[in-house]
């Protein structure tokens, strides 16, 4: 099982297609509409996003936007055997939203179905003939299933390889925020329904707030799903839940082999990132003197304000595994969804607690700016 695509519900799909193309280096690969919903598809490397917006109040997207701010409605997976996956999901307590549908094309067939998770997130499950890839928009054909499973006509466009800026090699992980007390049952649901397994746990606390996180990983594909819950009423996780009006995807981590170069390009395009204080890098060098980075590389990492974590040196590694991460500001007007860029060097695994805490503290600083988190009182 792997991630096929991620479906955003937004107020203006054309505007967000432009944003992803101009700001994030994506390519527009398909667009279309039915009587109530407009849908755009963008792609960069192996990463595919579907963007849908309402044309009328009959649209399922309009219903979603009445309940939530713009965000992710569907985390779609590609599976090897759809019938088996759906049977297991239903037997494990998943709610079936769309029965299995099959579409036949000259190149082969695509089968899809959709379930609802315990956290209210939709999961479209797709089984494709191997030569078809992971979505109908790749076929040059004119049909795709829309939010209510009605057929949508598409004007399929193939981008030129000369203009393809493949910044991202895939999706490293997707982070789900749930309400306090819901983490255990959410983790249990994803283990039963999809076969995820626990990988790491984190409990981050500062003088102001905190969170608890359980990182899940799929044993076959390596898909990672960290699930967060707040441990304080003013936590950034609680702020997300309040503004989002429920559980939801907090951020997506995009894999890149060149995080410094890609971050610089996105900054030039106007993408805003969370700020990291200069003291972070001074303390990092003191804490990890074993880091074998040349001065120019330290300078470039600090200039782009990239977080860096050093993992234990294994027997097979001559160089310490490094985890480099940077986080955008929320992309929507509300302080909800944001992106992460991540580079794993020397087969770095999992997540570093140092980076986890640094991210938490960076978001806290943004909360303080918004007035949603108070500075601790001094005695």
Protein backbone atom coordinates (compact mmCIF):
# COMPACT_ATOMS: atom_id res chain seq x y z
CA UNK A 1 0.00 0.00 0.00
CA UNK A 2 1.35 3.40 -0.98
CA UNK A 3 0.04 6.95 -1.24
CA UNK A 4 -1.57 7.54 -4.63
CA UNK A 5 -2.60 11.17 -4.31
CA UNK A 6 -3.87 13.70 -1.78
CA UNK A 7 -7.15 15.52 -2.37
CA UNK A 8 -7.57 19.11 -1.21
CA UNK A 9 -10.97 20.78 -0.92
CA UNK A 10 -10.53 24.51 -1.56
CA UNK A 11 -12.62 27.53 -2.47
CA UNK A 12 -11.00 28.13 -5.87
CA UNK A 13 -9.28 25.18 -7.57
CA UNK A 14 -7.93 27.30 -10.44
CA UNK A 15 -6.28 29.73 -8.03
CA UNK A 16 -4.67 26.92 -6.08
CA UNK A 17 -3.51 25.21 -9.28
CA UNK A 18 -1.73 28.50 -10.06
CA UNK A 19 -0.27 28.60 -6.53
CA UNK A 20 1.16 25.09 -6.73
CA UNK A 21 2.59 25.72 -10.20
CA UNK A 22 4.08 29.16 -9.51
CA UNK A 23 5.11 28.73 -5.88
CA UNK A 24 5.88 25.04 -5.40
CA UNK A 25 7.14 24.06 -8.85
CA UNK A 26 4.30 21.65 -9.70
CA UNK A 27 2.96 20.96 -13.19
CA UNK A 28 -0.71 21.16 -14.15
CA UNK A 29 -1.56 17.74 -15.60
CA UNK A 30 -5.36 17.69 -15.81
CA UNK A 31 -8.46 19.76 -15.19
CA UNK A 32 -12.19 19.28 -15.52
CA UNK A 33 -15.61 19.80 -14.00
CA UNK A 34 -19.09 18.40 -13.66
CA UNK A 35 -22.30 20.30 -12.88
CA UNK A 36 -21.23 21.28 -9.35
CA UNK A 37 -17.47 20.70 -8.85
CA UNK A 38 -14.29 21.86 -10.56
CA UNK A 39 -11.19 19.70 -10.18
CA UNK A 40 -7.53 20.32 -11.03
CA UNK A 41 -4.63 17.88 -10.82
CA UNK A 42 -1.02 18.98 -10.25
CA UNK A 43 2.12 16.91 -10.02
CA UNK A 44 5.80 17.28 -9.12
CA UNK A 45 7.95 14.20 -9.46
CA UNK A 46 6.08 11.35 -7.77
CA UNK A 47 3.80 13.69 -5.78
CA UNK A 48 0.22 14.19 -7.02
CA UNK A 49 -2.35 16.58 -5.57
CA UNK A 50 -5.99 16.81 -6.60
CA UNK A 51 -7.69 20.18 -5.98
CA UNK A 52 -11.48 20.50 -5.98
CA UNK A 53 -13.72 23.54 -5.46
CA UNK A 54 -17.51 24.01 -5.58
CA UNK A 55 -19.33 25.48 -8.57
CA UNK A 56 -22.70 25.30 -6.76
CA UNK A 57 -23.91 24.67 -3.23
CA UNK A 58 -24.78 21.11 -4.32
CA UNK A 59 -21.09 20.26 -4.42
CA UNK A 60 -19.72 17.93 -1.71
CA UNK A 61 -16.84 20.40 -1.51
CA UNK A 62 -19.28 23.17 -0.55
CA UNK A 63 -20.63 20.96 2.22
CA UNK A 64 -17.09 20.29 3.46
CA UNK A 65 -16.19 24.00 3.42
CA UNK A 66 -19.28 24.81 5.48
CA UNK A 67 -17.90 22.54 8.19
CA UNK A 68 -14.13 23.11 7.86
CA UNK A 69 -11.65 25.60 6.42
CA UNK A 70 -9.84 24.54 3.22
CA UNK A 71 -7.76 21.43 3.72
CA UNK A 72 -7.29 17.77 2.95
CA UNK A 73 -10.44 15.69 2.60
CA UNK A 74 -8.98 12.50 1.13
CA UNK A 75 -5.70 10.64 1.60
CA UNK A 76 -5.79 8.14 -1.28
CA UNK A 77 -3.89 4.86 -1.26
CA UNK A 78 -2.96 2.47 -4.05
CA UNK A 79 -3.46 -1.17 -3.04
CA UNK A 80 -2.60 -4.45 -4.73
CA UNK A 81 -5.95 -6.16 -4.10
CA UNK A 82 -8.89 -3.79 -3.67
CA UNK A 83 -11.52 -6.43 -2.85
CA UNK A 84 -9.37 -7.82 -0.05
CA UNK A 85 -8.49 -4.36 1.28
CA UNK A 86 -12.14 -3.24 1.39
CA UNK A 87 -13.32 -6.48 2.97
CA UNK A 88 -10.69 -6.12 5.69
CA UNK A 89 -11.56 -2.44 6.23
CA UNK A 90 -15.29 -3.09 6.62
CA UNK A 91 -14.67 -6.08 8.91
CA UNK A 92 -12.43 -3.82 11.02
CA UNK A 93 -15.12 -1.17 11.43
CA UNK A 94 -14.50 1.24 8.55
CA UNK A 95 -17.52 3.01 7.05
CA UNK A 96 -17.97 2.38 3.33
CA UNK A 97 -18.65 5.62 1.42
CA UNK A 98 -18.34 4.31 -2.14
CA UNK A 99 -18.64 0.67 -3.26
CA UNK A 100 -16.06 -0.73 -5.62
CA UNK A 101 -16.29 0.77 -9.11
CA UNK A 102 -14.34 -0.40 -12.16
CA UNK A 103 -13.45 1.61 -15.24
CA UNK A 104 -12.06 0.00 -18.36
CA UNK A 105 -9.57 1.71 -20.67
CA UNK A 106 -7.65 0.50 -23.73
CA UNK A 107 -4.53 0.29 -21.54
CA UNK A 108 -6.23 -1.67 -18.76
CA UNK A 109 -8.61 -1.13 -15.86
CA UNK A 110 -8.83 0.87 -12.64
CA UNK A 111 -10.89 -0.12 -9.63
CA UNK A 112 -11.61 2.25 -6.75
CA UNK A 113 -13.60 2.48 -3.54
CA UNK A 114 -13.75 4.93 -0.64
CA UNK A 115 -13.98 4.54 3.14
CA UNK A 116 -14.23 6.96 6.06
CA UNK A 117 -11.69 6.80 8.88
CA UNK A 118 -12.43 7.12 12.58
CA UNK A 119 -10.92 10.62 12.38
CA UNK A 120 -13.36 11.73 9.64
CA UNK A 121 -10.72 11.55 6.89
CA UNK A 122 -11.69 9.93 3.60
CA UNK A 123 -9.49 7.25 2.06
CA UNK A 124 -9.96 6.41 -1.61
CA UNK A 125 -8.42 3.01 -2.32
CA UNK A 126 -7.39 2.29 -5.89
CA UNK A 127 -6.16 -0.81 -7.69
CA UNK A 128 -4.60 -0.15 -11.10
CA UNK A 129 -3.20 -2.38 -13.79
CA UNK A 130 0.54 -1.96 -13.43
CA UNK A 131 0.99 -0.05 -16.68
CA UNK A 132 -1.58 2.60 -15.73
CA UNK A 133 0.17 4.33 -12.85
CA UNK A 134 -1.94 5.69 -9.98
CA UNK A 135 -4.70 7.78 -11.52
CA UNK A 136 -7.01 8.08 -14.50
CA UNK A 137 -5.70 11.54 -15.33
CA UNK A 138 -2.47 9.83 -16.47
CA UNK A 139 -4.23 8.02 -19.27
CA UNK A 140 -5.07 10.86 -21.61
CA UNK A 141 -8.68 9.78 -21.27
CA UNK A 142 -11.58 12.00 -20.37
CA UNK A 143 -13.08 10.57 -17.19
CA UNK A 144 -12.32 10.71 -13.50
CA UNK A 145 -14.39 10.13 -10.38
CA UNK A 146 -15.30 13.34 -8.52
CA UNK A 147 -16.14 13.87 -4.82
CA UNK A 148 -19.62 12.35 -5.22
CA UNK A 149 -18.45 9.59 -7.61
CA UNK A 150 -20.09 11.24 -10.63
CA UNK A 151 -18.18 11.28 -13.88
CA UNK A 152 -16.14 14.37 -14.69
CA UNK A 153 -14.91 15.28 -18.16
CA UNK A 154 -11.25 16.28 -18.32
CA UNK A 155 -9.08 18.24 -20.67
CA UNK A 156 -5.91 16.20 -20.24
CA UNK A 157 -2.62 18.06 -20.69
CA UNK A 158 0.87 16.57 -20.79
CA UNK A 159 3.64 18.87 -19.60
CA UNK A 160 6.95 19.02 -21.43
CA UNK A 161 9.93 17.35 -19.79
CA UNK A 162 11.99 20.48 -20.39
CA UNK A 163 9.80 22.46 -17.99
CA UNK A 164 9.41 19.67 -15.42
CA UNK A 165 10.96 20.76 -12.12
CA UNK A 166 11.05 17.54 -10.16
CA UNK A 167 11.83 18.93 -6.73
CA UNK A 168 10.20 16.08 -4.83
CA UNK A 169 10.75 12.32 -4.96
CA UNK A 170 7.71 11.37 -2.92
CA UNK A 171 5.69 11.91 0.24
CA UNK A 172 7.71 11.03 3.34
CA UNK A 173 4.88 11.23 5.85
CA UNK A 174 1.45 12.72 6.52
CA UNK A 175 0.62 14.06 10.01
CA UNK A 176 -2.87 13.67 11.48
CA UNK A 177 -4.07 15.74 14.47
CA UNK A 178 -6.83 14.30 16.68
CA UNK A 179 -8.59 15.47 19.84
CA UNK A 180 -7.26 14.78 23.31
CA UNK A 181 -8.11 11.24 24.35
CA UNK A 182 -8.63 10.07 20.73
CA UNK A 183 -5.05 9.09 19.88
CA UNK A 184 -5.21 5.49 21.09
CA UNK A 185 -8.44 4.63 19.25
CA UNK A 186 -7.20 6.38 16.08
CA UNK A 187 -3.90 4.49 16.13
CA UNK A 188 -5.80 1.25 16.75
CA UNK A 189 -8.10 1.96 13.78
CA UNK A 190 -5.19 2.45 11.36
CA UNK A 191 -3.49 -0.68 12.66
CA UNK A 192 -6.62 -2.82 12.23
CA UNK A 193 -7.81 -1.39 8.91
CA UNK A 194 -4.54 -0.84 7.03
CA UNK A 195 -1.95 -2.83 8.97
CA UNK A 196 0.12 0.13 10.16
CA UNK A 197 2.61 -0.59 12.97
CA UNK A 198 3.96 1.66 15.77
CA UNK A 199 7.43 3.07 15.07
CA UNK A 200 8.14 5.92 17.53
CA UNK A 201 6.44 7.90 20.26
CA UNK A 202 7.11 11.49 21.31
CA UNK A 203 5.95 13.62 24.19
CA UNK A 204 6.98 17.24 23.73
CA UNK A 205 6.33 19.76 26.50
CA UNK A 206 7.46 23.35 26.99
CA UNK A 207 6.60 25.92 29.64
CA UNK A 208 3.55 26.84 27.55
CA UNK A 209 2.06 23.73 25.94
CA UNK A 210 2.65 20.19 24.76
CA UNK A 211 1.69 17.27 22.52
CA UNK A 212 1.86 13.50 22.43
CA UNK A 213 2.61 11.75 19.13
CA UNK A 214 2.53 8.15 17.93
CA UNK A 215 4.33 7.53 14.64
CA UNK A 216 2.86 4.70 12.55
CA UNK A 217 4.59 3.03 9.62
CA UNK A 218 3.26 0.63 7.00
CA UNK A 219 5.57 -2.41 6.99
CA UNK A 220 5.27 -3.11 3.26
CA UNK A 221 5.65 0.38 1.78
CA UNK A 222 7.21 2.45 4.56
CA UNK A 223 4.35 5.00 4.45
CA UNK A 224 4.53 6.98 7.71
CA UNK A 225 1.54 8.42 9.56
CA UNK A 226 2.33 10.33 12.77
CA UNK A 227 -0.81 10.93 14.86
CA UNK A 228 -0.75 13.85 17.33
CA UNK A 229 -3.01 14.75 20.24
CA UNK A 230 -2.77 17.83 22.51
CA UNK A 231 -1.78 17.53 26.16
CA UNK A 232 -2.71 21.12 27.06
CA UNK A 233 -5.73 23.30 26.18
CA UNK A 234 -3.57 25.97 24.50
CA UNK A 235 -1.41 23.54 22.52
CA UNK A 236 -0.79 24.20 18.83
CA UNK A 237 -2.54 20.88 18.20
CA UNK A 238 -5.61 22.13 20.07
CA UNK A 239 -5.48 25.40 18.11
CA UNK A 240 -5.50 23.37 14.87
CA UNK A 241 -8.47 21.31 16.10
CA UNK A 242 -10.38 24.43 17.10
CA UNK A 243 -9.77 26.28 13.83
CA UNK A 244 -10.25 23.18 11.68
CA UNK A 245 -13.38 22.32 13.66
CA UNK A 246 -12.26 18.75 14.14
CA UNK A 247 -9.48 16.29 13.41
CA UNK A 248 -7.52 16.64 10.19
CA UNK A 249 -4.22 16.53 8.33
CA UNK A 250 -1.83 19.08 9.84
CA UNK A 251 1.00 18.76 7.32
CA UNK A 252 2.53 16.75 4.50
CA UNK A 253 6.28 16.10 4.33
CA UNK A 254 7.70 16.18 0.80
CA UNK A 255 10.89 14.21 0.17
CA UNK A 256 13.72 15.99 -1.62
CA UNK A 257 17.35 14.99 -2.26
CA UNK A 258 18.46 18.66 -2.28
CA UNK A 259 16.67 20.48 0.52
CA UNK A 260 18.96 23.53 0.55
CA UNK A 261 18.60 24.17 -3.19
CA UNK A 262 14.84 23.47 -3.27
CA UNK A 263 14.18 25.66 -0.21
CA UNK A 264 16.07 28.53 -1.84
CA UNK A 265 14.00 28.17 -5.03
CA UNK A 266 10.72 28.08 -3.12
CA UNK A 267 11.72 31.16 -1.13
CA UNK A 268 12.48 32.95 -4.40
CA UNK A 269 9.00 31.98 -5.62
CA UNK A 270 7.43 33.53 -2.52
CA UNK A 271 6.86 30.54 -0.21
CA UNK A 272 7.11 31.62 3.46
CA UNK A 273 8.79 29.35 6.00
CA UNK A 274 8.84 29.18 9.79
CA UNK A 275 11.70 31.18 11.27
CA UNK A 276 14.52 29.53 13.23
CA UNK A 277 16.69 31.64 15.59
CA UNK A 278 20.45 31.81 14.92
CA UNK A 279 21.08 30.41 18.39
CA UNK A 280 19.65 27.09 17.18
CA UNK A 281 22.70 26.48 14.97
CA UNK A 282 25.22 27.49 17.62
CA UNK A 283 23.63 25.11 20.10
CA UNK A 284 23.39 22.39 17.43
CA UNK A 285 27.13 22.51 16.70
CA UNK A 286 27.89 22.33 20.42
CA UNK A 287 25.51 19.41 20.90
CA UNK A 288 26.75 17.46 17.86
CA UNK A 289 30.47 18.18 17.33
CA UNK A 290 30.70 14.92 15.36
CA UNK A 291 28.77 16.44 12.44
CA UNK A 292 31.12 16.41 9.47
CA UNK A 293 29.68 19.34 7.55
CA UNK A 294 32.01 21.80 5.90
CA UNK A 295 31.71 25.49 6.76
CA UNK A 296 29.96 26.35 3.48
CA UNK A 297 27.32 23.70 4.10
CA UNK A 298 26.70 24.92 7.66
CA UNK A 299 26.31 28.43 6.28
CA UNK A 300 23.86 27.34 3.57
CA UNK A 301 21.75 25.32 6.04
CA UNK A 302 21.65 28.22 8.50
CA UNK A 303 20.89 30.75 5.76
CA UNK A 304 17.86 28.73 4.64
CA UNK A 305 16.89 28.09 8.31
CA UNK A 306 16.76 24.32 7.92
CA UNK A 307 16.47 22.10 11.00
CA UNK A 308 19.06 19.34 11.32
CA UNK A 309 19.15 16.24 13.50
CA UNK A 310 21.97 13.72 13.88
CA UNK A 311 21.08 10.09 14.48
CA UNK A 312 23.12 7.31 16.06
CA UNK A 313 26.00 6.07 13.91
CA UNK A 314 25.24 2.48 12.93
CA UNK A 315 27.81 -0.20 12.17
CA UNK A 316 27.21 0.07 8.42
CA UNK A 317 27.48 3.84 8.31
CA UNK A 318 30.71 5.73 7.86
CA UNK A 319 28.82 9.00 8.17
CA UNK A 320 26.18 9.89 10.73
CA UNK A 321 22.62 9.65 9.35
CA UNK A 322 21.26 13.19 9.08
CA UNK A 323 17.66 14.38 9.04
CA UNK A 324 17.13 17.81 7.47
CA UNK A 325 13.69 19.45 7.67
CA UNK A 326 12.04 22.80 7.08
CA UNK A 327 8.41 23.85 7.46
CA UNK A 328 6.33 26.39 5.59
CA UNK A 329 3.97 28.86 7.17
CA UNK A 330 0.32 27.72 6.92
CA UNK A 331 -0.66 27.99 3.27
CA UNK A 332 -4.30 28.92 3.90
CA UNK A 333 -5.51 32.06 5.74
CA UNK A 334 -6.28 29.93 8.78
CA UNK A 335 -3.42 28.53 10.94
CA UNK A 336 -4.05 24.94 9.90
CA UNK A 337 -2.28 23.10 7.07
CA UNK A 338 1.38 23.54 6.12
CA UNK A 339 4.10 21.70 4.18
CA UNK A 340 7.37 20.20 5.30
CA UNK A 341 10.42 19.56 3.12
CA UNK A 342 12.59 16.68 4.30
CA UNK A 343 15.92 15.21 3.23
CA UNK A 344 17.25 12.00 4.72
CA UNK A 345 21.00 11.50 4.39
CA UNK A 346 22.92 8.24 4.95
CA UNK A 347 19.65 6.31 5.34
CA UNK A 348 18.35 8.35 8.27
CA UNK A 349 15.24 6.68 9.70
CA UNK A 350 12.27 7.85 11.72
CA UNK A 351 12.23 11.30 13.29
CA UNK A 352 14.68 13.12 15.52
CA UNK A 353 13.37 14.45 18.82
CA UNK A 354 15.56 17.54 18.43
CA UNK A 355 13.83 18.53 15.19
CA UNK A 356 10.43 17.59 16.62
CA UNK A 357 10.97 19.94 19.56
CA UNK A 358 12.40 22.69 17.33
CA UNK A 359 9.30 22.54 15.12
CA UNK A 360 7.01 22.61 18.14
CA UNK A 361 8.80 25.67 19.53
CA UNK A 362 8.77 27.42 16.12
CA UNK A 363 5.00 26.98 15.86
CA UNK A 364 4.66 28.22 19.44
CA UNK A 365 6.42 31.43 18.42
CA UNK A 366 3.85 31.84 15.63
CA UNK A 367 1.05 31.21 18.14
CA UNK A 368 2.43 33.97 20.36
CA UNK A 369 2.47 36.34 17.36
CA UNK A 370 -1.19 35.49 16.69
CA UNK A 371 -2.07 35.98 20.34
CA UNK A 372 -3.33 32.41 20.74
CA UNK A 373 -0.58 31.47 23.22
CA UNK A 374 0.65 33.52 26.15
CA UNK A 375 4.23 33.86 27.31
CA UNK A 376 4.90 32.09 30.62
CA UNK A 377 4.63 34.37 33.64
CA UNK A 378 7.86 35.24 35.41
CA UNK A 379 8.00 34.93 39.17
